Protein backbone atom coordinates (compact mmCIF):
# COMPACT_ATOMS: atom_id res chain seq x y z
CA MET A 1 132.45 141.10 82.02
CA ASN A 2 133.08 138.52 79.79
CA ARG A 3 136.40 138.03 81.09
CA TRP A 4 135.30 137.80 84.56
CA TRP A 5 132.87 135.04 83.78
CA SER A 6 135.82 132.74 82.06
CA LEU A 7 137.90 133.34 84.94
CA VAL A 8 135.29 131.82 86.66
CA THR A 9 134.61 128.65 84.21
CA ALA A 10 138.38 128.50 84.68
CA VAL A 11 138.55 128.39 88.39
CA THR A 12 135.55 125.87 88.29
CA ALA A 13 136.91 123.37 85.90
CA VAL A 14 140.41 123.01 87.93
CA CYS A 15 138.61 122.91 90.83
CA ALA A 16 136.23 120.24 89.99
CA LEU A 17 139.07 118.01 87.93
CA SER A 18 141.23 118.19 91.38
CA LEU A 19 137.94 117.03 93.54
CA THR A 20 137.11 114.16 91.37
CA VAL A 21 140.92 112.98 91.72
CA GLY A 22 141.06 114.06 95.57
CA CYS A 23 137.47 112.71 96.57
CA ALA A 24 138.36 108.80 95.47
CA ASN A 25 141.85 109.24 97.68
CA MET A 26 139.76 110.40 100.21
CA LEU A 27 137.19 107.26 100.54
CA GLY A 28 139.90 105.17 100.48
CA ASN A 29 138.18 101.69 100.34
CA ASN A 30 134.72 103.02 102.13
CA LYS A 31 133.11 103.97 98.78
CA ALA A 32 129.68 103.45 98.21
CA ARG A 33 127.59 101.21 95.85
CA GLU A 34 124.22 100.63 94.28
CA ALA A 35 121.94 98.72 96.36
CA LYS A 36 120.96 94.93 95.59
CA LYS A 37 117.15 94.62 94.51
CA ALA A 38 117.25 91.30 93.21
CA VAL A 39 114.90 89.17 95.09
CA PRO A 40 113.97 85.61 94.37
CA GLN A 41 111.44 84.88 91.62
CA SER A 42 109.01 83.20 93.66
CA PHE A 43 108.00 82.80 97.25
CA GLY A 44 108.05 78.64 96.80
CA ALA A 45 105.41 75.91 96.39
CA LEU A 46 103.38 77.49 98.71
CA ALA A 47 102.72 81.05 97.15
CA THR A 48 99.20 81.77 95.53
CA VAL A 49 100.61 84.30 92.84
CA SER A 50 97.53 86.47 91.72
CA GLY A 51 97.19 88.95 88.76
CA PRO A 52 96.94 92.89 89.55
CA SER A 53 94.46 92.43 92.07
CA VAL A 54 96.36 91.06 94.53
CA ALA A 55 94.61 90.48 98.08
CA VAL A 56 97.28 92.92 99.91
CA GLN A 57 96.04 95.76 97.78
CA ARG A 58 92.30 95.76 99.69
CA GLN A 59 90.99 98.26 102.00
CA TRP A 60 91.86 97.04 105.58
CA ASP A 61 87.67 98.08 105.98
CA VAL A 62 87.58 95.60 103.31
CA PHE A 63 90.05 93.11 104.25
CA PHE A 64 88.30 92.79 107.67
CA ALA A 65 84.61 91.76 108.10
CA ASP A 66 84.12 91.76 111.53
CA PRO A 67 82.17 94.96 111.95
CA ASP A 68 83.74 95.26 115.51
CA LEU A 69 86.78 94.37 114.59
CA ARG A 70 86.81 97.34 112.23
CA SER A 71 85.08 99.80 114.48
CA LEU A 72 88.49 99.08 116.84
CA ILE A 73 91.01 99.68 113.75
CA GLU A 74 88.96 102.84 112.56
CA GLN A 75 89.50 104.25 116.28
CA ALA A 76 93.01 103.27 116.88
CA LEU A 77 93.82 105.31 113.77
CA GLU A 78 92.33 108.23 115.06
CA ASN A 79 93.25 108.51 118.74
CA ASN A 80 96.41 106.54 118.37
CA GLN A 81 99.36 108.37 120.68
CA GLN A 82 101.72 106.82 118.80
CA LEU A 83 100.27 107.54 115.13
CA ASN A 84 99.75 111.23 116.13
CA ILE A 85 103.72 111.56 117.43
CA GLN A 86 104.41 110.02 114.08
CA LEU A 87 102.33 112.65 112.15
CA GLN A 88 103.95 115.50 113.92
CA GLU A 89 107.32 113.82 112.69
CA ILE A 90 105.69 114.44 108.78
CA ILE A 91 104.99 118.06 109.52
CA LEU A 92 108.67 118.54 111.33
CA THR A 93 110.25 117.08 107.97
CA GLN A 94 107.41 119.26 105.84
CA ASN A 95 109.09 122.56 107.57
CA ASN A 96 112.54 120.76 107.12
CA VAL A 97 111.99 121.13 103.13
CA ALA A 98 110.41 124.63 103.20
CA ALA A 99 113.50 125.61 105.42
CA ILE A 100 116.24 124.52 102.60
CA ARG A 101 113.72 126.11 100.24
CA GLY A 102 114.05 129.08 102.01
CA GLU A 103 117.96 129.06 101.32
CA TYR A 104 117.95 128.56 98.11
CA THR A 105 115.98 131.51 97.32
CA PRO A 106 117.44 134.77 97.04
CA PHE A 107 117.02 137.15 100.24
CA LEU A 108 115.70 140.25 100.34
CA GLY A 109 115.53 142.29 103.07
CA ALA A 110 114.06 146.32 103.95
CA GLY A 111 115.80 148.12 106.64
CA VAL A 112 115.94 151.87 107.99
CA GLY A 113 118.54 153.10 110.39
CA ALA A 114 119.98 155.85 112.23
CA GLY A 115 122.98 156.79 114.09
CA LEU A 116 125.73 159.82 115.07
CA GLU A 117 129.62 159.94 113.60
CA LYS A 118 132.17 161.64 115.26
CA VAL A 119 135.48 162.18 113.63
CA GLY A 120 138.79 163.05 114.89
CA ASP A 121 139.70 166.74 114.20
CA ASP A 122 142.83 166.04 113.28
CA THR A 123 142.67 163.17 110.51
CA SER A 124 142.21 163.45 106.87
CA GLN A 125 138.51 163.24 107.37
CA GLY A 126 138.07 165.72 109.90
CA VAL A 127 140.41 168.25 107.95
CA SER A 128 137.93 167.51 104.95
CA ASP A 129 134.98 168.05 107.04
CA ALA A 130 136.13 171.29 108.76
CA ALA A 131 137.05 172.81 105.59
CA HIS A 132 133.43 172.40 103.77
CA GLY A 133 131.54 173.32 106.88
CA VAL A 134 130.38 169.42 107.69
CA PRO A 135 129.63 169.19 111.03
CA ARG A 136 131.75 167.69 113.91
CA ILE A 137 129.17 165.13 115.30
CA LEU A 138 127.56 164.09 111.85
CA PRO A 139 124.03 161.92 111.80
CA ASP A 140 123.55 159.58 109.16
CA PHE A 141 119.79 158.54 108.30
CA ARG A 142 119.06 155.65 105.52
CA PHE A 143 116.49 153.38 104.46
CA GLY A 144 116.30 150.89 101.68
CA PHE A 145 116.43 147.19 100.53
CA VAL A 146 118.88 144.51 100.71
CA ALA A 147 119.59 141.71 98.93
CA SER A 148 121.97 138.56 98.64
CA TRP A 149 121.93 135.17 96.87
CA GLU A 150 123.97 132.50 96.42
CA THR A 151 123.39 130.71 93.29
CA ASP A 152 124.09 127.49 93.88
CA ILE A 153 126.53 126.75 90.68
CA TRP A 154 126.80 122.97 92.38
CA SER A 155 123.68 122.61 93.14
CA ARG A 156 124.65 122.20 96.53
CA LEU A 157 121.54 123.73 98.26
CA ARG A 158 119.08 121.86 95.28
CA ASN A 159 120.45 118.87 96.26
CA ALA A 160 119.97 119.14 99.62
CA ARG A 161 116.38 120.34 99.54
CA LYS A 162 115.80 117.26 97.43
CA ALA A 163 117.10 114.82 100.05
CA ALA A 164 114.68 116.70 102.44
CA ASN A 165 111.52 116.37 100.14
CA LEU A 166 112.98 112.60 100.00
CA ARG A 167 112.96 111.88 103.33
CA TYR A 168 109.48 113.86 104.12
CA GLU A 169 108.16 111.35 101.83
CA ALA A 170 109.93 108.58 103.42
CA THR A 171 108.22 109.48 107.13
CA ILE A 172 105.10 109.02 105.05
CA GLN A 173 105.58 105.87 103.90
CA GLU A 174 107.36 105.28 107.65
CA ARG A 175 103.64 106.48 109.18
CA ASN A 176 101.87 103.84 106.74
CA PHE A 177 104.23 101.44 107.95
CA LEU A 178 103.27 101.95 111.55
CA ILE A 179 99.84 102.09 110.68
CA THR A 180 100.21 98.08 109.03
CA GLU A 181 101.75 96.80 112.45
CA ILE A 182 99.25 98.81 114.76
CA VAL A 183 96.07 97.48 112.28
CA ALA A 184 97.70 93.79 112.58
CA GLU A 185 97.80 94.43 116.27
CA ILE A 186 94.59 95.09 116.97
CA ALA A 187 93.12 92.32 114.79
CA ASN A 188 95.81 89.95 116.73
CA SER A 189 94.45 91.33 119.79
CA TYR A 190 90.98 91.18 119.10
CA TYR A 191 91.13 87.40 118.01
CA ASP A 192 93.18 87.01 121.36
CA LEU A 193 90.45 88.44 123.08
CA VAL A 194 87.67 86.39 121.45
CA ALA A 195 89.58 83.11 121.79
CA LEU A 196 89.83 83.68 125.77
CA ASP A 197 85.71 83.85 125.49
CA ASN A 198 85.38 81.08 123.75
CA GLN A 199 87.81 79.02 126.18
CA ILE A 200 86.40 80.61 129.22
CA GLU A 201 82.99 79.18 127.48
CA ILE A 202 84.75 75.86 127.00
CA LEU A 203 85.98 75.59 130.39
CA ASP A 204 82.69 76.63 132.41
CA ARG A 205 81.09 74.06 130.40
CA PHE A 206 83.73 71.36 131.03
CA ILE A 207 82.87 72.40 134.96
CA GLY A 208 79.80 72.03 134.82
CA LEU A 209 80.04 68.55 133.48
CA GLN A 210 82.50 67.59 136.26
CA THR A 211 80.24 69.11 139.07
CA ASN A 212 77.44 66.71 137.79
CA ALA A 213 79.83 63.66 137.47
CA LEU A 214 80.88 64.49 141.17
CA GLU A 215 77.38 64.22 142.36
CA VAL A 216 77.14 61.47 140.48
CA VAL A 217 80.51 60.08 141.98
CA LYS A 218 79.31 60.93 145.62
CA LEU A 219 75.87 59.20 145.34
CA LYS A 220 77.40 55.44 144.07
CA LYS A 221 79.92 56.13 147.33
CA ALA A 222 76.99 56.55 149.28
CA ALA A 223 75.86 53.34 147.65
CA ALA A 224 79.10 51.76 148.67
CA ARG A 225 80.11 51.37 144.62
CA GLU A 226 82.66 53.59 144.88
CA THR A 227 85.55 55.00 147.16
CA GLU A 228 86.42 58.29 148.86
CA LEU A 229 89.29 58.50 146.38
CA GLY A 230 87.50 58.46 143.14
CA VAL A 231 85.05 61.33 145.33
CA GLN A 232 88.39 63.47 145.77
CA ARG A 233 89.97 62.66 142.23
CA PHE A 234 86.82 64.27 140.68
CA ARG A 235 86.64 67.03 143.24
CA ALA A 236 90.36 67.78 142.49
CA GLU A 237 89.65 68.21 138.89
CA VAL A 238 87.07 70.73 139.49
CA LEU A 239 88.99 72.65 141.93
CA LYS A 240 91.63 72.98 139.12
CA ASN A 241 89.83 73.80 136.18
CA GLN A 242 88.06 76.74 138.13
CA GLY A 243 91.65 77.89 139.41
CA ARG A 244 92.47 77.51 135.39
CA ARG A 245 89.13 80.08 134.79
CA PHE A 246 90.70 82.95 136.73
CA SER A 247 93.85 82.47 135.25
CA LEU A 248 92.08 82.89 131.66
CA GLU A 249 89.94 85.61 133.12
CA GLN A 250 92.97 87.58 134.11
CA GLN A 251 94.58 87.24 130.66
CA ARG A 252 91.23 88.21 129.30
CA ILE A 253 91.81 91.62 131.29
CA ILE A 254 95.50 91.91 130.04
CA VAL A 255 94.36 91.54 125.93
CA GLU A 256 91.49 93.81 126.29
CA SER A 257 93.28 96.62 128.29
CA ARG A 258 95.84 95.98 125.18
CA ILE A 259 93.53 96.74 122.71
CA ASN A 260 92.48 100.02 124.83
CA PHE A 261 95.58 101.53 124.78
CA LEU A 262 96.22 100.75 121.39
CA VAL A 263 92.83 102.43 121.04
CA GLY A 264 93.85 105.57 123.06
CA ARG A 265 91.28 104.98 126.05
CA PHE A 266 90.90 104.07 129.34
CA PRO A 267 90.14 100.54 130.15
CA GLN A 268 86.85 99.26 129.36
CA PRO A 269 84.64 96.99 127.78
CA VAL A 270 85.11 96.09 124.56
CA ALA A 271 82.38 94.62 121.95
CA ARG A 272 83.39 91.69 120.12
CA ASN A 273 81.03 88.48 119.23
CA PRO A 274 82.93 85.82 120.23
CA GLN A 275 80.59 83.28 118.16
CA THR A 276 81.96 84.65 115.06
CA LEU A 277 85.52 83.24 116.01
CA MET A 278 85.37 79.44 115.25
CA SER A 279 82.64 79.86 112.12
CA THR A 280 85.06 82.19 110.48
CA ASN A 281 86.86 80.68 107.29
CA PRO A 282 90.31 82.26 107.16
CA ASP A 283 90.84 84.13 103.81
CA ILE A 284 93.50 82.68 101.11
CA VAL A 285 95.41 85.85 100.55
CA ALA A 286 97.12 85.77 96.98
CA THR A 287 100.93 86.54 97.64
CA GLY A 288 101.57 88.02 94.01
CA LEU A 289 105.22 87.90 93.13
CA PRO A 290 108.17 88.37 95.56
CA SER A 291 108.72 92.09 93.27
CA ASP A 292 105.88 93.19 94.25
CA LEU A 293 107.20 93.98 97.62
CA LEU A 294 109.26 96.29 96.57
CA GLU A 295 106.06 98.34 96.10
CA ASN A 296 103.63 97.44 98.55
CA ARG A 297 105.68 97.61 101.70
CA PRO A 298 105.83 100.82 102.98
CA ASP A 299 109.11 100.36 104.94
CA VAL A 300 110.56 98.96 101.87
CA LYS A 301 109.24 101.88 100.08
CA ALA A 302 110.69 104.16 103.53
CA ALA A 303 114.46 102.69 103.10
CA GLU A 304 114.33 103.06 99.75
CA LEU A 305 113.55 107.06 99.97
CA ARG A 306 116.00 107.30 102.67
CA LEU A 307 118.72 105.76 100.48
CA ALA A 308 117.84 108.03 97.32
CA ALA A 309 118.33 111.28 100.06
CA SER A 310 121.27 110.30 101.14
CA LYS A 311 122.79 109.83 97.87
CA LEU A 312 121.85 113.62 97.26
CA ASP A 313 123.55 114.48 100.90
CA THR A 314 126.35 113.46 99.93
CA ARG A 315 126.55 115.10 96.25
CA SER A 316 125.65 117.97 98.68
CA ALA A 317 128.67 117.54 100.73
CA LYS A 318 131.06 116.82 98.12
CA ALA A 319 129.71 120.49 96.52
CA LYS A 320 131.72 121.95 99.73
CA PHE A 321 135.04 121.75 98.05
CA TYR A 322 134.01 123.62 94.99
CA PRO A 323 134.19 127.65 94.58
CA SER A 324 130.75 129.40 95.82
CA LEU A 325 128.95 132.57 94.20
CA ARG A 326 127.63 134.93 96.21
CA LEU A 327 125.43 137.97 94.90
CA ASP A 328 124.64 141.20 96.93
CA ALA A 329 123.30 144.07 96.53
CA ASN A 330 121.76 147.08 98.22
CA ILE A 331 119.77 150.35 97.15
CA GLY A 332 118.33 152.98 99.27
CA TYR A 333 118.52 156.50 100.34
CA GLU A 334 121.76 157.50 103.05
CA SER A 335 121.81 161.29 104.12
CA PHE A 336 123.10 163.76 107.33
CA ASN A 337 120.19 165.55 106.64
CA LEU A 338 116.88 164.24 107.35
CA THR A 339 115.46 167.11 105.31
CA HIS A 340 117.37 165.87 102.26
CA LEU A 341 116.93 162.07 103.07
CA ILE A 342 114.75 161.17 99.69
CA LYS A 343 116.28 163.61 97.52
CA THR A 344 117.02 161.92 94.10
CA PRO A 345 119.33 161.51 92.82
CA GLN A 346 121.95 163.13 95.63
CA SER A 347 120.86 161.01 98.45
CA LEU A 348 120.28 157.83 96.73
CA ALA A 349 122.60 154.82 96.92
CA TYR A 350 123.18 151.61 95.65
CA SER A 351 125.86 148.51 95.52
CA LEU A 352 126.47 145.19 93.80
CA ALA A 353 129.20 142.75 94.47
CA GLY A 354 130.04 139.52 93.39
CA ASN A 355 132.27 137.10 95.87
CA LEU A 356 133.86 133.55 94.34
CA MET A 357 134.70 131.95 97.39
CA ALA A 358 136.79 128.42 97.33
CA PRO A 359 137.88 126.66 100.02
CA LEU A 360 141.75 126.30 100.39
CA LEU A 361 142.87 126.13 103.95
CA ASN A 362 140.84 124.33 107.06
CA ARG A 363 139.48 121.76 104.78
CA ALA A 364 139.41 118.92 107.17
CA GLY A 365 135.57 119.72 108.07
CA ILE A 366 134.86 119.72 105.02
CA LYS A 367 136.87 116.37 104.25
CA ALA A 368 134.96 115.00 107.51
CA ASP A 369 131.51 116.29 106.65
CA TYR A 370 132.16 114.53 102.95
CA ARG A 371 133.73 111.33 104.43
CA SER A 372 130.42 110.99 106.83
CA ALA A 373 127.58 111.42 104.50
CA ASN A 374 129.07 108.96 102.04
CA ALA A 375 129.59 106.71 105.62
CA ARG A 376 125.51 107.52 105.33
CA GLN A 377 125.14 106.66 102.36
CA ILE A 378 126.67 103.03 102.68
CA GLN A 379 124.02 102.52 105.53
CA ALA A 380 121.24 103.22 103.66
CA VAL A 381 122.57 100.91 101.23
CA PHE A 382 122.31 97.87 104.04
CA ASP A 383 119.38 99.00 105.56
CA TYR A 384 117.65 98.86 101.89
CA GLU A 385 118.58 95.38 101.48
CA ARG A 386 118.13 94.84 104.80
CA SER A 387 113.93 95.78 104.29
CA ILE A 388 113.92 93.45 101.06
CA LEU A 389 115.36 90.84 103.00
CA GLN A 390 113.12 91.26 105.54
CA ALA A 391 110.10 91.54 103.71
CA PHE A 392 110.44 88.41 101.75
CA THR A 393 111.31 86.57 104.85
CA ASP A 394 108.44 87.80 106.75
CA VAL A 395 106.54 86.18 103.68
CA TYR A 396 108.21 82.80 103.43
CA ASN A 397 107.74 82.29 107.33
CA GLN A 398 104.02 82.94 107.27
CA LEU A 399 103.35 81.12 104.11
CA THR A 400 104.35 77.84 105.77
CA ALA A 401 102.86 79.00 109.14
CA ILE A 402 99.65 79.15 107.18
CA SER A 403 100.11 75.57 105.72
CA ASN A 404 101.24 74.13 108.91
CA LEU A 405 98.17 75.66 110.81
CA ARG A 406 95.75 74.72 108.47
CA GLN A 407 96.94 70.98 108.82
CA ARG A 408 96.88 71.24 112.51
CA TYR A 409 93.63 72.71 113.04
CA GLU A 410 92.00 69.73 110.72
CA GLN A 411 93.57 67.52 112.57
CA LEU A 412 92.57 69.18 116.22
CA ALA A 413 88.77 69.01 114.79
CA GLN A 414 88.88 65.48 114.15
CA GLN A 415 90.35 64.68 117.50
CA VAL A 416 87.48 66.41 119.07
CA GLU A 417 85.02 64.92 117.68
CA ALA A 418 86.69 61.67 118.50
CA LEU A 419 87.18 62.56 122.19
CA HIS A 420 82.97 63.58 122.23
CA THR A 421 82.37 60.51 121.12
CA ALA A 422 84.67 58.88 123.55
CA ILE A 423 82.66 60.99 126.39
CA GLU A 424 79.24 59.72 125.84
CA VAL A 425 80.92 56.12 125.71
CA SER A 426 82.37 56.19 128.90
CA LYS A 427 79.33 57.22 130.86
CA VAL A 428 77.29 54.40 129.75
CA LEU A 429 80.81 52.27 130.57
CA TYR A 430 80.84 53.70 133.92
CA GLN A 431 77.37 53.83 134.93
CA SER A 432 77.21 49.70 134.35
CA ALA A 433 80.69 49.47 136.28
CA GLN A 434 82.79 48.10 133.16
CA LEU A 435 84.92 51.19 133.28
CA ASP A 436 86.51 53.24 137.02
CA TYR A 437 86.59 56.86 137.58
CA TYR A 438 89.88 57.43 136.07
CA GLU A 439 89.29 56.70 132.81
CA VAL A 440 85.96 58.84 132.53
CA LEU A 441 88.62 61.73 134.64
CA MET A 442 91.02 61.42 132.19
CA THR A 443 88.46 61.18 128.53
CA VAL A 444 87.04 64.18 129.63
CA ARG A 445 90.29 66.11 130.49
CA ASP A 446 91.39 64.68 127.01
CA SER A 447 88.41 66.30 125.55
CA LEU A 448 88.74 69.79 127.76
CA GLN A 449 92.46 69.69 126.14
CA ALA A 450 91.34 69.15 122.64
CA GLU A 451 88.41 71.71 122.64
CA MET A 452 90.92 74.48 124.38
CA GLU A 453 93.53 73.74 121.40
CA LEU A 454 91.36 73.81 118.70
CA VAL A 455 90.32 77.40 119.84
CA GLU A 456 93.83 78.41 119.89
CA ALA A 457 94.62 76.94 116.71
CA LYS A 458 91.29 78.88 114.78
CA ARG A 459 92.95 81.74 116.88
CA ASP A 460 96.32 80.83 115.10
CA GLN A 461 95.01 80.77 111.71
CA LEU A 462 93.36 84.10 111.70
CA GLN A 463 96.54 85.62 113.26
CA ALA A 464 98.70 83.73 110.27
CA VAL A 465 96.40 85.75 108.15
CA VAL A 466 96.68 88.96 109.12
CA ALA A 467 100.30 88.44 109.42
CA ILE A 468 100.20 87.63 105.65
CA TYR A 469 98.40 90.61 105.05
CA GLN A 470 100.78 92.58 106.67
CA ALA A 471 103.84 91.00 105.52
CA LEU A 472 102.73 91.90 101.94
CA GLY A 473 102.38 95.43 102.61
CA GLY A 474 98.78 95.20 103.30
CA GLY A 475 96.77 97.56 106.00
CA TRP A 476 97.84 100.94 105.60
CA ARG A 477 94.70 101.94 102.52
CA GLN A 478 91.54 102.53 103.27
CA ASN A 479 88.69 103.94 101.34
CA PRO A 480 88.27 107.72 101.82
């Protein structure tokens, strides 16, 4: 036994040495490398760094204050079809882990069999059976246990199992990332919807003002103080805004339907409170350090897990070049006479064998598998590096957006206030004949446009906060 084991050790040592040299030549210049994890020290001057309690760690049901929005997100996380599809993907990868674990553990089976055998009379066995009175047609009855085990001395199956487990964990992270996307999409669509509500309300108010102004112009024309041109210009402005309202109404229907689709239900009214839009102050989201992205972003974590799995796949493919040791054993009872089937020890049969097999010829397939596994590992390296770069870029872009949108909103708010004053002044001047209809019309039009843009600026501010929250890796955590 010791000599046999020494032979196994010697053979495997020679194979390992030849494999180390051979695999290096086999890959050529396409050799895998470690991923670059280095990120800049900060996001720049616009970033707000905080301690351990970074806002991104807040659960979405705490981060979003609007109860209607929270209700929509909660329904989506329960009913969204894409999220439920991803849940099945997690179950599939979990089953793959169990299947590979089954390959690594020893196999034990039980069997029962029966058969007939008739050998030629002129064969050595036929002559021997005739001399000993053995029937020419010989029954065969047997039952027992069969066991086999690939010892996996090079950890090929164990590495495959670990890789499958890492991919299972990666699918969990991918589902978390999908949750962040769904939460962000619902929040953005919700802000689109309430912004449209506010814009339609503003448009209705201005249509009312312009309709009243149209009546004033008609009265002035009847008193010969205004021309038909002024009447038609005011009438055209009313008709234009009435047409614009239909366009906004259609946009509102589309956004509402999009929310219902994400929630997993057919089109229906979406509960919301439009009055809260303009009074909501965007949260200040602390960014933390760029290195926090490696832990907080589910897509980065998933890429890291897939990279670790690809490394194990390469080791598993490499181990196919080594000899494999397989142990087979069986024990049971076998007899040609059913009445003697369980007679011990006469009918007891057993066997034990060990096979050491090493690939010598037809290694092209193994080489191709190894090169493919190495290429997939290189792909995983680039995918991981790309996910880090994308995460940093997302945060950087949203930081600049938040700063610019804040300044834009402040400027628009001052513009709206100035135009409201201008409208009141224009009314007085027009009624005293110190201003013509065209200047009044332009002042009202500018005020309407400014108020519509102010609503859009507030919406963009809130959506930018959602985007930075998602970019930092928030949105998938939830209170139990």
